Structures are given as C-alpha cells and as structure tokens.
N, C-alpha and C. Protein backbone atom coordinates (compact mmCIF):
# COMPACT_ATOMS: atom_id res chain seq x y z
N MET A 1 20.95 -0.67 10.76
CA MET A 1 20.95 -0.03 12.08
C MET A 1 20.62 1.41 11.82
N LYS A 2 21.65 2.01 10.76
CA LYS A 2 21.35 3.45 10.53
C LYS A 2 19.73 3.58 9.92
N THR A 3 19.06 2.69 9.11
CA THR A 3 18.04 3.12 8.88
C THR A 3 17.04 3.46 10.00
N SER A 4 17.12 2.71 10.84
CA SER A 4 16.28 3.04 11.79
C SER A 4 16.24 4.29 12.86
N LEU A 5 17.67 4.86 12.73
CA LEU A 5 18.11 5.97 12.95
C LEU A 5 17.34 6.94 12.17
N VAL A 6 17.59 6.93 11.01
CA VAL A 6 16.92 8.01 10.18
C VAL A 6 15.42 8.07 10.54
N LYS A 7 14.62 6.78 10.65
CA LYS A 7 13.49 6.98 11.04
C LYS A 7 13.32 7.94 12.53
N ASN A 8 14.04 7.85 13.22
CA ASN A 8 14.09 8.37 14.38
C ASN A 8 14.22 9.88 14.02
N TYR A 9 14.93 9.98 13.29
CA TYR A 9 15.29 11.85 12.77
C TYR A 9 14.08 12.35 12.17
N PHE A 10 13.35 11.44 11.70
CA PHE A 10 11.79 11.96 11.26
C PHE A 10 11.32 12.73 12.52
N ARG A 11 11.09 11.50 13.85
CA ARG A 11 10.40 11.97 14.99
C ARG A 11 11.00 13.10 15.54
N LEU A 12 12.22 13.22 15.61
CA LEU A 12 12.88 14.31 15.96
C LEU A 12 12.68 15.53 15.47
N ALA A 13 12.87 15.69 14.27
CA ALA A 13 12.58 16.60 13.37
C ALA A 13 11.29 17.56 13.22
N GLY A 14 10.22 16.34 13.42
CA GLY A 14 9.09 16.89 13.76
C GLY A 14 8.85 17.92 15.24
N LEU A 15 9.40 17.02 15.98
CA LEU A 15 9.25 17.55 17.42
C LEU A 15 10.19 19.32 17.21
N CYS A 16 11.45 18.99 17.02
CA CYS A 16 11.91 20.39 16.98
C CYS A 16 11.47 21.65 16.17
N CYS A 17 10.60 20.70 14.78
CA CYS A 17 10.41 22.27 13.89
C CYS A 17 8.94 22.73 14.95
N LEU A 18 8.05 21.87 15.70
CA LEU A 18 7.06 22.43 16.47
C LEU A 18 7.64 23.36 17.14
N ALA A 19 8.39 23.23 18.03
CA ALA A 19 9.21 24.30 19.10
C ALA A 19 9.46 25.60 18.05
N GLY A 20 10.07 25.19 16.69
CA GLY A 20 10.68 26.55 16.22
C GLY A 20 9.44 27.19 15.41
N TRP A 21 8.18 26.58 15.19
CA TRP A 21 7.34 27.18 14.69
C TRP A 21 6.52 28.07 15.38
N SER A 22 6.54 28.38 16.81
CA SER A 22 6.19 29.25 17.67
C SER A 22 6.56 30.85 17.30
N VAL A 23 7.73 31.00 16.48
CA VAL A 23 8.23 32.49 16.16
C VAL A 23 7.07 32.73 15.22
N LEU A 24 6.66 31.74 13.93
CA LEU A 24 5.59 32.16 12.99
C LEU A 24 3.94 32.30 13.40
N SER A 25 3.92 31.59 14.59
CA SER A 25 2.52 31.94 15.11
C SER A 25 2.48 33.30 15.90
N GLY A 26 3.44 33.66 16.26
CA GLY A 26 3.37 35.01 17.17
C GLY A 26 3.23 36.48 16.45
N GLY A 27 2.89 36.10 15.12
CA GLY A 27 3.03 37.69 14.24
C GLY A 27 1.85 38.42 14.50
N THR A 28 1.76 39.55 14.52
CA THR A 28 0.57 40.49 14.81
C THR A 28 0.03 40.47 13.23
N GLY A 29 -1.52 40.78 13.45
CA GLY A 29 -2.32 41.03 12.18
C GLY A 29 -1.96 42.41 11.34
N LEU A 30 -1.77 41.98 10.03
CA LEU A 30 -1.40 43.25 9.27
C LEU A 30 -2.50 43.51 8.31
N GLN A 31 -2.91 44.83 7.81
CA GLN A 31 -3.42 45.03 6.70
C GLN A 31 -2.70 45.04 5.28
N ALA A 32 -3.22 44.82 4.46
CA ALA A 32 -2.52 45.07 2.94
C ALA A 32 -1.65 45.87 2.95
N ASP A 33 -1.86 47.31 3.43
CA ASP A 33 -1.11 48.52 3.34
C ASP A 33 -0.07 48.43 4.58
N ASP A 34 0.14 47.59 5.23
CA ASP A 34 1.06 47.48 6.12
C ASP A 34 2.40 46.93 5.73
N THR A 35 2.11 46.02 4.42
CA THR A 35 3.03 45.10 4.04
C THR A 35 4.50 45.48 3.34
N THR A 36 4.34 46.86 3.19
CA THR A 36 5.72 47.52 2.39
C THR A 36 6.83 46.97 3.08
N GLY A 37 7.67 46.64 2.30
CA GLY A 37 9.05 45.84 2.78
C GLY A 37 9.07 44.67 3.26
N VAL A 38 10.02 43.84 3.36
CA VAL A 38 10.25 42.62 4.07
C VAL A 38 9.72 42.30 5.04
N GLU A 39 10.30 42.99 6.12
CA GLU A 39 9.51 43.01 7.70
C GLU A 39 7.77 42.41 7.60
N GLY A 40 7.20 44.07 6.92
CA GLY A 40 5.73 43.63 7.03
C GLY A 40 5.42 42.19 6.05
N GLN A 41 5.87 41.77 5.44
CA GLN A 41 5.41 41.15 4.25
C GLN A 41 5.65 39.48 5.26
N ILE A 42 6.83 39.64 6.13
CA ILE A 42 7.10 38.48 6.88
C ILE A 42 6.07 38.20 8.03
N ALA A 43 5.71 39.35 8.66
CA ALA A 43 4.61 39.73 9.62
C ALA A 43 3.29 39.20 8.93
N LEU A 44 3.08 39.28 7.96
CA LEU A 44 1.55 38.84 7.12
C LEU A 44 1.88 37.56 7.02
N ILE A 45 3.12 36.81 6.58
CA ILE A 45 3.13 35.39 6.29
C ILE A 45 2.88 34.51 7.81
N ARG A 46 3.16 35.21 8.69
CA ARG A 46 3.06 34.70 9.99
C ARG A 46 1.74 34.28 10.27
N GLN A 47 1.08 35.52 9.92
CA GLN A 47 -0.80 35.49 10.17
C GLN A 47 -1.12 34.60 9.59
N TYR A 48 -0.78 34.46 8.17
CA TYR A 48 -1.39 33.52 7.24
C TYR A 48 -0.83 32.16 7.79
N TYR A 49 0.08 31.83 8.37
CA TYR A 49 0.71 30.66 8.83
C TYR A 49 -0.22 29.82 9.96
N ALA A 50 -0.63 31.20 10.99
CA ALA A 50 -1.40 30.65 12.20
C ALA A 50 -2.87 30.61 11.77
N GLU A 51 -3.19 31.09 10.67
CA GLU A 51 -4.80 30.78 10.04
C GLU A 51 -4.78 29.68 9.51
N VAL A 52 -3.64 28.83 9.23
CA VAL A 52 -3.94 27.61 8.52
C VAL A 52 -3.88 26.78 9.43
N GLU A 53 -2.81 27.07 10.66
CA GLU A 53 -2.90 26.08 11.33
C GLU A 53 -4.03 26.15 12.40
N ALA A 54 -4.70 26.93 12.59
CA ALA A 54 -6.15 26.93 12.95
C ALA A 54 -7.45 26.16 12.55
N LEU A 55 -7.04 25.82 11.23
CA LEU A 55 -8.25 25.35 10.54
C LEU A 55 -8.83 23.93 11.10
N GLN A 56 -10.27 23.72 11.10
CA GLN A 56 -10.81 22.74 11.65
C GLN A 56 -11.15 21.60 10.54
N GLU A 57 -11.21 20.75 10.73
CA GLU A 57 -12.10 19.87 9.80
C GLU A 57 -11.67 19.71 8.09
N LEU A 58 -10.28 19.68 8.44
CA LEU A 58 -9.69 19.54 6.88
C LEU A 58 -9.82 17.97 6.45
N GLN A 59 -9.65 17.98 5.12
CA GLN A 59 -9.71 16.44 4.39
C GLN A 59 -8.49 16.41 4.22
N LYS A 60 -8.06 15.10 4.45
CA LYS A 60 -6.85 14.71 4.70
C LYS A 60 -6.60 13.49 3.68
N VAL A 61 -5.58 13.30 2.82
CA VAL A 61 -5.09 12.70 1.88
C VAL A 61 -3.86 12.05 1.74
N ASP A 62 -3.42 10.45 2.24
CA ASP A 62 -2.42 10.04 2.10
C ASP A 62 -1.90 9.27 0.85
N ILE A 63 -0.69 9.92 0.56
CA ILE A 63 -0.72 9.00 -0.66
C ILE A 63 1.12 8.85 -0.27
N GLU A 64 1.04 7.30 -0.48
CA GLU A 64 2.33 6.64 -0.08
C GLU A 64 2.95 6.19 -1.70
N PHE A 65 4.50 6.15 -1.57
CA PHE A 65 5.27 6.00 -2.88
C PHE A 65 6.74 5.36 -2.65
N ARG A 66 6.91 4.74 -3.93
CA ARG A 66 8.39 3.99 -3.46
C ARG A 66 9.08 3.96 -4.44
N CYS A 67 10.28 3.93 -5.15
CA CYS A 67 10.94 4.04 -6.14
C CYS A 67 11.43 2.63 -6.52
N GLN A 68 11.29 2.00 -7.68
CA GLN A 68 11.54 0.72 -7.81
C GLN A 68 13.23 1.14 -8.38
N GLY A 69 14.13 0.36 -7.61
CA GLY A 69 15.62 0.01 -7.94
C GLY A 69 15.99 1.36 -7.55
N ASP A 70 15.74 2.26 -6.44
CA ASP A 70 16.08 3.31 -5.94
C ASP A 70 15.67 3.53 -4.44
N PRO A 71 16.59 3.65 -3.48
CA PRO A 71 16.64 3.45 -2.24
C PRO A 71 15.54 4.73 -1.59
N MET A 72 14.45 5.21 -2.21
CA MET A 72 13.50 6.11 -2.03
C MET A 72 12.41 5.74 -1.85
N GLU A 73 11.55 6.56 -0.43
CA GLU A 73 10.34 5.99 -0.27
C GLU A 73 9.79 7.09 0.67
N GLY A 74 8.47 7.22 0.46
CA GLY A 74 7.68 8.35 1.46
C GLY A 74 6.30 8.39 1.29
N VAL A 75 5.94 9.51 2.10
CA VAL A 75 4.47 9.79 1.94
C VAL A 75 4.19 11.17 1.92
N LEU A 76 3.45 11.18 0.97
CA LEU A 76 2.78 13.06 0.59
C LEU A 76 1.66 13.04 1.42
N THR A 77 1.23 13.96 2.08
CA THR A 77 -0.21 14.12 2.87
C THR A 77 -0.61 15.53 2.88
N LYS A 78 -1.63 15.40 1.72
CA LYS A 78 -2.63 16.84 1.34
C LYS A 78 -3.59 16.95 2.47
N ARG A 79 -3.31 18.27 2.99
CA ARG A 79 -4.64 18.40 3.88
C ARG A 79 -5.73 20.00 2.87
N LEU A 80 -6.39 19.49 2.89
CA LEU A 80 -7.57 20.52 2.06
C LEU A 80 -8.75 21.08 2.74
N LYS A 81 -9.23 22.16 2.06
CA LYS A 81 -10.72 22.37 2.61
C LYS A 81 -11.54 21.57 2.19
N ARG A 82 -12.71 21.30 2.84
CA ARG A 82 -13.67 20.46 2.67
C ARG A 82 -14.57 21.05 1.85
N ASP A 83 -14.76 22.50 1.74
CA ASP A 83 -15.77 23.32 1.20
C ASP A 83 -15.26 23.61 -0.22
N SER A 84 -13.98 23.88 -0.53
CA SER A 84 -13.42 24.21 -1.37
C SER A 84 -12.82 23.30 -2.45
N GLY A 85 -11.95 22.16 -1.57
CA GLY A 85 -11.27 21.26 -2.02
C GLY A 85 -9.45 21.86 -2.30
N LYS A 86 -9.60 22.94 -2.06
CA LYS A 86 -8.20 23.49 -2.12
C LYS A 86 -7.21 23.25 -1.01
N VAL A 87 -6.01 22.96 -1.38
CA VAL A 87 -4.97 22.42 -0.53
C VAL A 87 -4.03 23.59 0.22
N VAL A 88 -4.40 23.75 1.41
CA VAL A 88 -3.81 24.61 2.48
C VAL A 88 -2.48 24.24 2.78
N ARG A 89 -2.08 22.86 3.11
CA ARG A 89 -0.89 22.30 3.50
C ARG A 89 -0.42 21.26 2.95
N LEU A 90 0.77 20.80 2.66
CA LEU A 90 1.17 19.65 2.16
C LEU A 90 2.39 19.29 3.28
N ASP A 91 2.20 18.03 3.39
CA ASP A 91 3.39 17.30 4.22
C ASP A 91 3.97 16.38 3.48
N LEU A 92 5.26 16.33 3.17
CA LEU A 92 5.86 15.20 2.57
C LEU A 92 7.40 15.07 3.29
N GLY A 93 7.23 13.38 3.55
CA GLY A 93 8.47 12.93 4.58
C GLY A 93 8.78 11.54 3.74
N TYR A 94 10.07 11.52 3.39
CA TYR A 94 11.06 10.43 2.91
C TYR A 94 12.03 9.99 3.23
N LEU A 95 12.60 8.79 3.09
CA LEU A 95 13.55 8.42 3.11
C LEU A 95 14.57 8.21 1.71
N ALA A 96 15.79 8.54 1.68
CA ALA A 96 16.75 8.48 0.15
C ALA A 96 17.58 7.81 0.71
N GLY A 97 17.32 6.52 0.73
CA GLY A 97 18.39 5.25 1.34
C GLY A 97 18.30 5.41 2.71
N ASP A 98 19.33 4.63 3.59
CA ASP A 98 19.82 4.45 4.69
C ASP A 98 20.76 5.94 5.52
N HIS A 99 21.15 6.34 4.56
CA HIS A 99 21.73 7.59 5.12
C HIS A 99 21.33 8.99 5.36
N GLY A 100 19.90 8.95 4.80
CA GLY A 100 19.24 10.50 5.50
C GLY A 100 17.68 10.37 4.82
N GLY A 101 17.40 11.67 5.19
CA GLY A 101 16.03 11.77 4.69
C GLY A 101 15.51 13.29 5.05
N ALA A 102 14.21 13.37 5.12
CA ALA A 102 13.67 14.77 5.28
C ALA A 102 11.95 14.79 5.31
N ASP A 103 11.63 15.92 6.08
CA ASP A 103 10.28 16.19 6.43
C ASP A 103 10.26 17.74 5.73
N GLU A 104 8.90 17.46 4.97
CA GLU A 104 8.99 19.18 4.14
C GLU A 104 7.35 19.63 4.17
N MET A 105 7.23 20.85 4.73
CA MET A 105 5.79 20.77 4.64
C MET A 105 5.66 22.26 3.92
N TYR A 106 4.53 22.49 3.21
CA TYR A 106 4.44 23.77 2.14
C TYR A 106 2.96 24.16 2.57
N TYR A 107 3.03 25.69 2.72
CA TYR A 107 1.68 26.35 3.15
C TYR A 107 0.88 26.99 2.01
N TYR A 108 -0.12 27.08 1.86
CA TYR A 108 -0.80 28.15 0.84
C TYR A 108 -1.97 28.46 1.53
N ARG A 109 -1.96 29.75 0.60
CA ARG A 109 -3.41 30.64 0.90
C ARG A 109 -4.04 31.14 -0.37
N ASP A 110 -5.03 30.48 -0.39
CA ASP A 110 -5.83 30.67 -1.75
C ASP A 110 -5.29 30.25 -3.18
N GLY A 111 -4.39 29.14 -2.78
CA GLY A 111 -3.52 28.23 -3.84
C GLY A 111 -2.48 28.89 -4.02
N LYS A 112 -1.82 29.91 -3.38
CA LYS A 112 -0.48 30.97 -3.62
C LYS A 112 0.23 30.32 -2.23
N LEU A 113 1.59 29.68 -2.79
CA LEU A 113 2.66 29.24 -1.59
C LEU A 113 2.98 30.60 -0.78
N PHE A 114 3.15 30.44 0.50
CA PHE A 114 3.51 31.60 1.39
C PHE A 114 4.92 31.18 2.28
N PHE A 115 4.96 29.71 2.56
CA PHE A 115 5.91 29.16 3.48
C PHE A 115 6.37 27.61 2.88
N ILE A 116 7.56 27.46 3.37
CA ILE A 116 8.00 26.16 3.56
C ILE A 116 9.10 25.97 4.49
N LEU A 117 8.60 24.89 5.44
CA LEU A 117 9.79 24.26 6.19
C LEU A 117 10.41 22.86 5.97
N VAL A 118 11.75 22.85 5.63
CA VAL A 118 12.33 21.71 5.22
C VAL A 118 13.02 21.34 6.48
N SER A 119 13.07 20.19 7.13
CA SER A 119 13.76 19.63 8.32
C SER A 119 14.82 18.39 7.27
N ALA A 120 15.66 18.35 7.71
CA ALA A 120 16.60 17.31 6.64
C ALA A 120 17.63 16.70 7.55
N SER A 121 17.84 15.27 7.95
CA SER A 121 18.64 14.95 8.66
C SER A 121 19.65 13.91 7.79
N TRP A 122 20.57 13.73 7.86
CA TRP A 122 21.55 12.60 7.49
C TRP A 122 22.82 12.29 8.34
N TRP A 123 23.73 11.34 7.90
CA TRP A 123 24.79 11.05 8.63
C TRP A 123 26.12 10.66 7.82
N GLN A 124 27.27 10.23 8.31
CA GLN A 124 28.27 10.09 7.16
C GLN A 124 29.21 9.59 8.60
N PHE A 125 30.36 8.66 8.03
CA PHE A 125 31.32 7.94 8.82
C PHE A 125 32.30 8.99 9.23
N SER A 126 32.73 9.33 10.37
CA SER A 126 33.83 10.29 10.88
C SER A 126 34.98 10.30 10.20
N GLY A 127 35.75 8.92 9.95
CA GLY A 127 36.87 8.53 9.40
C GLY A 127 37.70 8.61 10.23
N GLN A 128 37.33 8.84 11.46
CA GLN A 128 38.32 8.91 12.66
C GLN A 128 38.60 7.57 13.42
N LYS A 129 37.42 6.97 13.85
CA LYS A 129 37.37 5.87 14.33
C LYS A 129 36.50 4.85 13.63
N GLU A 130 36.56 3.58 13.56
CA GLU A 130 35.84 2.52 12.88
C GLU A 130 34.60 2.31 13.47
N GLY A 131 33.63 2.65 12.71
CA GLY A 131 32.07 2.66 12.83
C GLY A 131 31.77 3.96 13.26
N GLU A 132 32.37 4.80 13.74
CA GLU A 132 32.12 6.14 14.14
C GLU A 132 31.15 7.09 13.08
N THR A 133 30.20 7.91 13.66
CA THR A 133 29.76 8.52 12.49
C THR A 133 29.39 10.05 13.02
N ILE A 134 28.98 10.91 11.94
CA ILE A 134 28.70 12.18 12.21
C ILE A 134 27.37 12.08 11.86
N ASP A 135 26.46 12.65 12.71
CA ASP A 135 25.01 13.04 12.45
C ASP A 135 24.66 14.52 12.18
N THR A 136 23.85 14.64 11.24
CA THR A 136 23.56 16.42 10.97
C THR A 136 22.04 16.60 11.14
N MET A 137 21.57 17.34 11.40
CA MET A 137 20.00 17.86 10.88
C MET A 137 20.11 19.57 10.88
N ARG A 138 19.41 19.55 9.54
CA ARG A 138 19.17 20.94 9.08
C ARG A 138 17.94 21.50 9.09
N GLU A 139 17.53 22.67 9.30
CA GLU A 139 16.41 23.40 9.15
C GLU A 139 16.43 24.32 8.25
N ARG A 140 15.38 24.39 7.43
CA ARG A 140 15.22 25.75 6.86
C ARG A 140 13.97 26.40 6.42
N ARG A 141 13.62 27.63 6.75
CA ARG A 141 12.37 28.18 6.48
C ARG A 141 12.30 29.22 5.32
N TYR A 142 11.72 28.79 4.38
CA TYR A 142 11.24 29.78 3.17
C TYR A 142 10.08 30.36 3.23
N TYR A 143 10.39 31.82 3.18
CA TYR A 143 9.16 32.63 3.27
C TYR A 143 9.05 33.25 1.44
N PHE A 144 7.70 33.24 1.45
CA PHE A 144 7.31 33.50 -0.28
C PHE A 144 6.13 34.61 -0.19
N SER A 145 6.30 35.69 -1.01
CA SER A 145 5.40 36.70 -1.28
C SER A 145 5.27 36.91 -2.98
N LYS A 146 4.02 37.08 -3.24
CA LYS A 146 3.67 37.32 -4.37
C LYS A 146 4.70 36.28 -5.42
N GLY A 147 4.79 35.01 -5.16
CA GLY A 147 5.63 33.95 -6.03
C GLY A 147 7.19 34.23 -5.83
N GLN A 148 7.55 35.32 -4.92
CA GLN A 148 9.06 35.42 -4.82
C GLN A 148 9.51 35.03 -3.49
N CYS A 149 10.48 34.34 -3.16
CA CYS A 149 11.61 34.03 -1.99
C CYS A 149 11.97 35.27 -1.59
N ILE A 150 11.29 35.74 -0.33
CA ILE A 150 12.06 36.86 0.30
C ILE A 150 12.77 36.73 1.27
N ARG A 151 12.96 35.45 1.31
CA ARG A 151 14.04 35.18 3.10
C ARG A 151 13.79 33.71 3.06
N VAL A 152 15.31 33.25 3.41
CA VAL A 152 15.43 31.99 4.12
C VAL A 152 16.30 31.93 5.28
N LEU A 153 15.92 31.17 6.32
CA LEU A 153 16.44 31.07 7.41
C LEU A 153 16.87 29.70 7.79
N GLU A 154 17.72 29.29 8.33
CA GLU A 154 18.56 28.16 8.76
C GLU A 154 19.13 27.89 9.85
N LYS A 155 18.90 26.67 10.20
CA LYS A 155 19.69 26.10 11.73
C LYS A 155 20.13 24.73 11.26
N LYS A 156 21.21 24.73 11.86
CA LYS A 156 22.07 23.16 11.22
C LYS A 156 23.36 22.88 12.63
N VAL A 157 22.69 21.53 12.90
CA VAL A 157 23.83 21.13 13.88
C VAL A 157 24.46 19.90 13.64
N THR A 158 25.41 19.37 14.28
CA THR A 158 26.21 18.25 14.09
C THR A 158 26.57 17.76 15.60
N ALA A 159 26.69 16.25 15.59
CA ALA A 159 26.80 15.31 16.88
C ALA A 159 27.24 14.29 16.68
N LYS A 160 27.98 13.30 17.45
CA LYS A 160 28.24 12.10 17.23
C LYS A 160 27.48 11.37 17.85
N LYS A 161 26.42 11.72 18.77
CA LYS A 161 25.43 10.92 19.00
C LYS A 161 23.82 11.41 18.49
N GLN A 162 23.07 10.85 18.04
CA GLN A 162 22.13 11.28 17.13
C GLN A 162 20.84 11.51 18.04
N ASP A 163 21.25 10.87 19.50
CA ASP A 163 20.03 11.60 20.26
C ASP A 163 20.43 12.66 20.71
N GLN A 164 21.68 13.50 20.45
CA GLN A 164 21.72 14.53 20.68
C GLN A 164 21.20 15.92 20.07
N LEU A 165 20.90 15.75 18.73
CA LEU A 165 20.47 16.55 17.77
C LEU A 165 19.02 17.45 18.12
N ARG A 166 18.19 16.73 18.75
CA ARG A 166 16.97 17.51 19.00
C ARG A 166 17.15 18.67 20.23
N GLY A 167 18.06 18.24 21.26
CA GLY A 167 18.59 19.36 22.05
C GLY A 167 19.16 20.56 21.50
N LEU A 168 19.97 19.76 20.68
CA LEU A 168 21.08 21.15 19.70
C LEU A 168 20.30 21.86 19.06
N ILE A 169 19.29 21.64 18.11
CA ILE A 169 18.62 22.00 17.19
C ILE A 169 17.68 23.33 17.86
N SER A 170 17.28 23.07 19.33
CA SER A 170 16.22 23.86 19.70
C SER A 170 16.55 24.53 20.28
N LYS A 171 18.15 24.97 20.42
CA LYS A 171 18.51 25.65 20.91
C LYS A 171 19.64 26.95 19.95
N ALA A 172 19.54 26.19 18.90
CA ALA A 172 20.59 26.59 17.84
C ALA A 172 19.72 28.04 17.11
N GLU A 173 20.30 28.94 16.45
CA GLU A 173 19.74 30.43 16.05
C GLU A 173 19.70 30.37 15.00
N ASN A 174 18.76 30.77 14.25
CA ASN A 174 18.54 31.05 12.94
C ASN A 174 19.19 31.97 12.25
N HIS A 175 20.03 31.59 11.36
CA HIS A 175 21.10 32.47 10.22
C HIS A 175 20.18 32.81 8.76
N GLU A 176 20.21 34.13 8.68
CA GLU A 176 19.76 34.31 7.61
C GLU A 176 20.46 33.94 6.44
N LEU A 177 19.96 33.27 5.03
CA LEU A 177 20.77 32.94 4.06
C LEU A 177 21.11 34.46 2.93
N ASP A 178 22.01 33.98 2.25
CA ASP A 178 22.03 34.97 1.02
C ASP A 178 21.39 34.26 -0.28
N LEU A 179 20.17 35.05 -0.66
CA LEU A 179 19.58 34.47 -1.54
C LEU A 179 19.72 34.36 -2.98
N ASN A 180 21.09 35.39 -2.96
CA ASN A 180 22.04 34.93 -4.39
C ASN A 180 22.77 34.05 -4.54
N GLY A 181 23.04 33.25 -3.17
CA GLY A 181 24.03 32.19 -3.30
C GLY A 181 23.68 31.14 -4.04
N GLU A 182 24.41 30.44 -4.82
CA GLU A 182 24.30 29.49 -5.78
C GLU A 182 23.69 28.39 -5.45
N GLU A 183 23.93 27.97 -4.01
CA GLU A 183 23.52 26.65 -3.64
C GLU A 183 21.98 26.86 -2.95
N ILE A 184 21.50 28.11 -2.71
CA ILE A 184 20.58 28.54 -2.09
C ILE A 184 19.66 29.09 -3.14
N ARG A 185 20.06 29.43 -4.20
CA ARG A 185 19.20 29.36 -5.27
C ARG A 185 18.34 28.38 -5.95
N GLY A 186 19.60 27.20 -5.90
CA GLY A 186 18.99 25.93 -6.27
C GLY A 186 18.21 25.26 -5.48
N GLY A 187 18.28 25.66 -4.14
CA GLY A 187 17.42 25.00 -3.23
C GLY A 187 16.09 25.49 -3.25
N ILE A 188 15.70 26.94 -3.62
CA ILE A 188 14.49 27.57 -3.90
C ILE A 188 13.92 27.26 -4.98
N ALA A 189 14.83 26.95 -6.06
CA ALA A 189 14.00 26.55 -7.17
C ALA A 189 13.74 25.15 -6.98
N ALA A 190 14.21 24.06 -6.12
CA ALA A 190 13.81 22.68 -5.96
C ALA A 190 12.65 23.08 -5.25
N VAL A 191 12.55 23.52 -4.15
CA VAL A 191 11.24 23.34 -3.38
C VAL A 191 9.95 24.28 -4.10
N MET A 192 10.47 25.23 -4.74
CA MET A 192 9.35 25.75 -5.70
C MET A 192 8.99 24.97 -6.35
N LYS A 193 9.62 23.96 -6.82
CA LYS A 193 8.88 23.45 -8.08
C LYS A 193 8.12 22.31 -7.51
N LYS A 194 8.73 21.55 -6.37
CA LYS A 194 7.56 20.54 -5.35
C LYS A 194 6.37 21.30 -5.10
N ALA A 195 6.34 22.74 -4.48
CA ALA A 195 5.11 23.44 -4.14
C ALA A 195 4.21 23.60 -5.29
N SER A 196 4.83 23.47 -6.82
CA SER A 196 3.61 23.69 -7.87
C SER A 196 3.08 22.78 -8.56
N VAL A 197 3.90 21.40 -8.16
CA VAL A 197 3.66 20.34 -8.86
C VAL A 197 2.79 19.45 -7.80
N LEU A 198 3.39 19.27 -6.64
CA LEU A 198 2.82 18.28 -5.60
C LEU A 198 1.37 18.69 -5.35
N PRO A 199 0.71 19.48 -5.39
CA PRO A 199 -0.81 19.92 -5.22
C PRO A 199 -1.60 19.23 -6.30
N THR A 200 -1.00 18.86 -7.52
CA THR A 200 -1.78 18.56 -8.67
C THR A 200 -1.58 17.27 -8.82
N LEU A 201 -1.02 16.51 -8.12
CA LEU A 201 -1.18 15.11 -8.08
C LEU A 201 -2.16 14.22 -7.27
N LYS A 202 -2.82 13.21 -7.99
CA LYS A 202 -3.63 12.88 -7.64
C LYS A 202 -3.64 11.39 -7.22
N ASP A 203 -2.75 10.63 -7.23
CA ASP A 203 -2.40 9.27 -6.63
C ASP A 203 -0.90 8.97 -6.30
N ALA A 204 -0.94 7.74 -6.11
CA ALA A 204 0.22 7.34 -5.96
C ALA A 204 1.18 7.10 -7.35
N ARG A 205 0.54 6.76 -8.39
CA ARG A 205 1.45 6.78 -9.65
C ARG A 205 1.86 7.77 -9.77
N ALA A 206 1.10 8.98 -9.88
CA ALA A 206 1.61 10.37 -10.31
C ALA A 206 2.71 10.80 -9.40
N VAL A 207 2.45 10.28 -7.99
CA VAL A 207 3.57 10.96 -7.02
C VAL A 207 4.69 9.93 -6.88
N THR A 208 4.73 8.81 -7.82
CA THR A 208 5.80 7.61 -7.63
C THR A 208 6.54 8.37 -8.71
N LYS A 209 5.88 8.74 -10.33
CA LYS A 209 6.29 9.18 -11.46
C LYS A 209 7.40 10.26 -11.20
N PHE A 210 6.79 11.47 -10.43
CA PHE A 210 7.34 12.42 -10.19
C PHE A 210 8.71 12.41 -9.66
N PHE A 211 8.70 11.58 -8.67
CA PHE A 211 9.76 11.44 -7.72
C PHE A 211 11.02 10.41 -8.24
N CYS A 212 10.22 9.41 -8.85
CA CYS A 212 11.15 8.32 -9.62
C CYS A 212 11.77 8.21 -11.01
N GLU A 213 11.00 9.16 -11.66
CA GLU A 213 11.26 9.01 -13.21
C GLU A 213 12.24 10.53 -13.84
C-alpha cells in the first residue's frame, strides 16, 4: 500500500516543485561585473535557470536502473543540446524501498553545475495508533557558483494524510541552511558527486553500477 503512496509522492513533488521554480525564473538579467556578492550570483543563477527551461528541441535520453537484492530503482533522464551534445539538465527519480524516494534535478551551463533541486518524500509509523503513519516531504535548492555551493534553501512539511503534503509544501517558507553544518555538508558532497558522475554515464549498466555497487 505504501509503495503506491510513494509513487504518488513523486507526482506531488513534481507539481510542488514547479510552483516553487517561479522564484528562479523571475531573476533579472545581469552582466558578469554585476555578480560580486552572493545575491548577484543568485540572480545570475536564476537567469541561467530560465535560459535552460526555455531551450527547445533538446535530445532526451531515459536510462532505467534497478538494484538486484536492494529495493532501489529509478530513471535517469538526460536532456542534451542537439548541436553540441552537452547535458543541460538531468532528472533523477527513484524509489528506495517502499518507505521513500526522491526526484532530483541538476542544471548545467557550458558543462558547469549551477543549480540542483531535490524533492524527497518518506513515511514512518507514528507509534501512536496502530497503522497510523507520519508522511514527510522536503525540498532543497542548492545554488552553485564557480564550483562552490553558495546557498541551500529548504522547505519541509509533515502530515498524517499524504494528500495534504502538496498544499502544505506550496505554502511553506524557504529557510536558508547553515553551509557549515555537518549534515548539510554531507548533503552537498553527495549531490555534487552525482552532478559530476551522472552526465558521464552512457547506459543502464553504468547507471546501475553507480547506484548499486
């Protein structure tokens, strides 16, 4: 039963993230000499994001993977420019057993990472009533400049009914995380590793090896 709920989470997460992306696409155009300071760099990242989203006729490559003996499966989708073959966006959606999963989106400009959006959902038993569960959804936005993470924003909501999460996450405020915190440092390292390796993987065998071995 919960497996189907997690799959619904993916659909909800995608819709919720689309609502949040309007913040990125609203940035003003900046020239290179306007990007001193974090806020200037964030505005430029918003501009880059809007440019990627506006690209037409991208080549799309879907790679499915499933771990043997491990409850993890998913799809890696590459979006590449047809003229250069360069990856401009990666979409990664996966289930990690029946208790959770995530949608992750990676954005690139001239081969360089500038933005990551991770929407994760999971559930656990509440321990209060038999069969009662607590459902959680968390969105994190990672902003990168010159190979360094300069900001991480987070939304996180919980509910006892899974169908409440979409409404809650859409109204939740973003909170800026401390980049020096141990947990967030680990999270940044993990997504940066994926961002570096995933564009180089050519087929299901390579993707499966990366996630399953």
